[in-house]
Amino acid sequence: MKNLSRRARISTGAAALAVVGAAAFGTVTANASAPAAVAADSVTAGSVTAGSVTAGSVAAGATTTSTHLTIDAATRAARAALDAAEAEHQRVTVAVVDRNGNTIVTLRGDGAGPQSYESAERKAFTAVSWNAPTSELAGRLEQTPHLKDIPGTLFLGGGVPVTARNAPIAGIGVAGAPSGTLDEKYARAGAAGLSR
């Protein structure tokens, strides 16, 4: 290398780097595409076999089925609750949550206060979690005051559970009226809307 000019050494080094880089890129590209597609004949009723590993098969009796409100039913319940409140000139927010406390639909009525959105969701969550109206649960705080410390709950009137086959499947929460009694009246109107 001593006899080569500086320009020749740089050119030779650059060429060597290009070859190493191309080889490395080819290896990375080959490895990135290495997992071949699963052959159609290795796919069987609900499971995919890749080598000796089977994914997706579950033993009989290892699953359960739960009942959920449809989005249409949840919307109908929320609309019925909001209509009942608006008929009495109350500005409320209505939330419907599923059995797991996940919000399905929330309707914020015209002029409802900003605090009503979260309050409605928390009342619905509380009602479905304990399968009881939140006004009833508020009374339990006298014996067990630490219930109110459970995240996501709100022990004020305005939440009612929705049940199917004696199990809670949803909660309806209403917030924004001057009292929890009124909020709960509208939540019950929403639950009644599901039977129409």
Protein backbone atom coordinates (compact mmCIF):
# COMPACT_ATOMS: atom_id res chain seq x y z
CA MET A 1 0.00 0.00 0.00
CA LYS A 2 3.02 2.29 0.44
CA ASN A 3 3.54 2.50 -3.32
CA LEU A 4 -0.06 3.57 -4.01
CA SER A 5 -0.90 7.23 -4.17
CA ARG A 6 -3.24 8.75 -1.66
CA ARG A 7 -5.99 8.93 -4.29
CA ALA A 8 -5.55 5.25 -5.17
CA ARG A 9 -5.67 4.25 -1.48
CA ILE A 10 -8.94 6.22 -0.98
CA SER A 11 -10.47 4.69 -4.12
CA THR A 12 -9.43 1.18 -3.06
CA GLY A 13 -10.80 1.73 0.47
CA ALA A 14 -14.08 3.09 -0.86
CA ALA A 15 -14.45 0.11 -3.19
CA ALA A 16 -13.75 -2.30 -0.31
CA LEU A 17 -16.37 -0.55 1.87
CA ALA A 18 -18.89 -0.72 -0.96
CA VAL A 19 -18.37 -4.49 -1.31
CA VAL A 20 -18.67 -5.03 2.47
CA GLY A 21 -21.76 -2.80 2.61
CA ALA A 22 -23.42 -4.61 -0.30
CA ALA A 23 -22.72 -7.97 1.32
CA ALA A 24 -24.11 -6.80 4.65
CA PHE A 25 -27.20 -5.32 3.00
CA GLY A 26 -27.80 -8.56 1.10
CA THR A 27 -27.52 -10.55 4.33
CA VAL A 28 -29.93 -8.26 6.17
CA THR A 29 -32.37 -8.37 3.27
CA ALA A 30 -32.15 -12.16 3.09
CA ASN A 31 -32.68 -12.48 6.87
CA ALA A 32 -35.59 -10.04 6.86
CA SER A 33 -37.43 -12.16 4.34
CA ALA A 34 -36.29 -15.51 5.76
CA PRO A 35 -39.60 -16.51 7.44
CA ALA A 36 -41.31 -18.14 4.49
CA ALA A 37 -45.04 -18.00 4.08
CA VAL A 38 -46.93 -20.84 5.73
CA ALA A 39 -47.88 -23.46 3.19
CA ALA A 40 -51.61 -23.77 2.61
CA ASP A 41 -51.56 -27.45 3.57
CA SER A 42 -50.19 -26.68 7.06
CA VAL A 43 -53.20 -24.54 8.00
CA THR A 44 -55.79 -26.56 9.85
CA ALA A 45 -59.09 -25.66 11.52
CA GLY A 46 -58.11 -22.65 13.60
CA SER A 47 -54.42 -23.37 14.00
CA VAL A 48 -51.27 -22.63 12.07
CA THR A 49 -48.34 -25.00 12.42
CA ALA A 50 -44.87 -23.51 12.02
CA GLY A 51 -42.31 -26.21 12.63
CA SER A 52 -43.19 -27.80 15.97
CA VAL A 53 -45.11 -24.80 17.34
CA THR A 54 -48.89 -24.64 17.04
CA ALA A 55 -50.53 -21.23 17.45
CA GLY A 56 -54.21 -20.48 17.88
CA SER A 57 -55.57 -23.78 19.15
CA VAL A 58 -57.37 -23.73 22.50
CA ALA A 59 -58.52 -26.70 24.52
CA ALA A 60 -62.24 -27.35 24.72
CA GLY A 61 -63.82 -25.68 27.75
CA ALA A 62 -61.06 -23.05 28.01
CA THR A 63 -63.19 -20.21 26.66
CA THR A 64 -66.35 -18.40 27.66
CA THR A 65 -68.86 -16.31 25.81
CA SER A 66 -70.22 -13.03 27.12
CA THR A 67 -73.17 -10.88 26.12
CA HIS A 68 -72.65 -7.28 25.00
CA LEU A 69 -74.87 -4.45 23.87
CA THR A 70 -74.62 -3.59 20.21
CA ILE A 71 -73.61 -0.06 19.31
CA ASP A 72 -77.17 0.51 18.06
CA ALA A 73 -78.68 -0.61 21.38
CA ALA A 74 -76.20 1.47 23.40
CA THR A 75 -76.97 4.51 21.26
CA ARG A 76 -80.72 3.94 21.64
CA ALA A 77 -80.32 3.78 25.45
CA ALA A 78 -78.19 6.93 25.54
CA ARG A 79 -80.64 8.76 23.29
CA ALA A 80 -83.60 7.72 25.48
CA ALA A 81 -81.82 9.01 28.60
CA LEU A 82 -80.88 12.28 26.92
CA ASP A 83 -84.41 12.76 25.57
CA ALA A 84 -85.87 12.24 29.07
CA ALA A 85 -83.52 14.88 30.48
CA GLU A 86 -84.17 17.35 27.68
CA ALA A 87 -87.93 16.92 28.13
CA GLU A 88 -87.41 18.37 31.63
CA HIS A 89 -85.01 21.05 30.38
CA GLN A 90 -81.96 19.45 32.02
CA ARG A 91 -78.51 19.68 30.46
CA VAL A 92 -76.77 16.36 30.94
CA THR A 93 -74.25 13.96 29.51
CA VAL A 94 -75.08 10.26 29.11
CA ALA A 95 -72.51 7.47 28.92
CA VAL A 96 -73.02 3.79 28.21
CA VAL A 97 -70.19 1.38 29.07
CA ASP A 98 -69.81 -2.34 28.44
CA ARG A 99 -69.31 -5.08 31.04
CA ASN A 100 -65.60 -4.27 31.24
CA GLY A 101 -66.21 -0.56 31.80
CA ASN A 102 -65.16 0.46 28.30
CA THR A 103 -67.20 3.32 26.89
CA ILE A 104 -69.50 2.31 24.05
CA VAL A 105 -71.15 5.69 23.49
CA THR A 106 -71.30 9.09 25.17
CA LEU A 107 -73.78 11.81 24.28
CA ARG A 108 -73.15 15.27 25.66
CA GLY A 109 -76.34 17.28 25.61
CA ASP A 110 -76.37 20.92 24.52
CA GLY A 111 -75.16 23.09 27.38
CA ALA A 112 -74.02 20.22 29.62
CA GLY A 113 -71.22 21.19 31.96
CA PRO A 114 -67.65 20.07 31.25
CA GLN A 115 -67.50 17.95 34.41
CA SER A 116 -70.54 15.94 33.32
CA TYR A 117 -68.67 13.95 30.65
CA GLU A 118 -66.25 12.18 33.00
CA SER A 119 -68.85 11.93 35.77
CA ALA A 120 -71.32 10.13 33.49
CA GLU A 121 -68.67 7.61 32.43
CA ARG A 122 -67.58 6.99 36.01
CA LYS A 123 -71.18 6.51 37.20
CA ALA A 124 -71.81 4.00 34.39
CA PHE A 125 -68.57 2.16 35.26
CA THR A 126 -69.49 2.05 38.96
CA ALA A 127 -73.01 0.73 38.26
CA VAL A 128 -71.84 -2.10 36.01
CA SER A 129 -68.91 -2.98 38.29
CA TRP A 130 -71.18 -3.63 41.29
CA ASN A 131 -74.36 -4.47 39.34
CA ALA A 132 -76.28 -1.92 41.38
CA PRO A 133 -77.58 1.63 40.98
CA THR A 134 -75.03 4.18 42.14
CA SER A 135 -77.55 5.75 44.54
CA GLU A 136 -77.67 2.43 46.39
CA LEU A 137 -73.90 2.13 46.33
CA ALA A 138 -73.51 5.65 47.76
CA GLY A 139 -75.26 4.39 50.89
CA ARG A 140 -72.63 1.66 51.29
CA LEU A 141 -69.93 4.27 51.78
CA GLU A 142 -71.03 4.69 55.40
CA GLN A 143 -69.92 1.13 56.19
CA THR A 144 -67.00 0.97 53.74
CA PRO A 145 -65.73 4.50 53.05
CA HIS A 146 -62.68 3.24 51.14
CA LEU A 147 -64.86 2.10 48.23
CA LYS A 148 -64.64 5.64 46.87
CA ASP A 149 -60.86 5.20 46.50
CA ILE A 150 -61.23 2.61 43.74
CA PRO A 151 -60.01 4.23 40.49
CA GLY A 152 -62.66 5.17 37.94
CA THR A 153 -65.61 4.98 40.33
CA LEU A 154 -68.08 7.65 41.38
CA PHE A 155 -70.55 6.92 44.16
CA LEU A 156 -73.22 9.50 43.35
CA GLY A 157 -76.73 8.83 42.08
CA GLY A 158 -77.02 8.67 38.31
CA GLY A 159 -75.74 5.24 37.27
CA VAL A 160 -77.73 2.08 36.62
CA PRO A 161 -76.65 -1.37 35.48
CA VAL A 162 -78.09 -3.17 32.46
CA THR A 163 -78.46 -6.93 32.87
CA ALA A 164 -79.09 -9.93 30.67
CA ARG A 165 -79.73 -13.38 32.14
CA ASN A 166 -79.17 -11.94 35.65
CA ALA A 167 -75.65 -10.74 34.82
CA PRO A 168 -74.47 -7.15 34.27
CA ILE A 169 -73.63 -6.44 30.64
CA ALA A 170 -73.52 -2.63 30.61
CA GLY A 171 -73.90 0.50 32.70
CA ILE A 172 -75.67 3.77 31.93
CA GLY A 173 -74.47 6.91 33.64
CA VAL A 174 -76.02 10.37 33.58
CA ALA A 175 -74.47 13.53 35.03
CA GLY A 176 -75.29 17.22 34.97
CA ALA A 177 -78.78 17.51 36.46
CA PRO A 178 -79.12 19.37 39.79
CA SER A 179 -79.35 16.09 41.74
CA GLY A 180 -78.26 12.49 41.55
CA THR A 181 -81.91 11.52 41.88
CA LEU A 182 -82.71 13.24 38.59
CA ASP A 183 -79.59 11.85 36.91
CA GLU A 184 -80.64 8.34 37.94
CA LYS A 185 -84.21 8.92 36.73
CA TYR A 186 -82.82 9.69 33.27
CA ALA A 187 -80.41 6.72 33.37
CA ARG A 188 -83.39 4.46 34.15
CA ALA A 189 -85.21 5.97 31.17
CA GLY A 190 -82.22 4.96 29.06
CA ALA A 191 -82.33 1.40 30.38
CA ALA A 192 -86.08 1.28 29.69
CA GLY A 193 -85.30 2.33 26.11
CA LEU A 194 -83.58 -1.01 25.58
CA SER A 195 -86.84 -2.92 26.02
CA ARG A 196 -88.55 -1.10 23.15
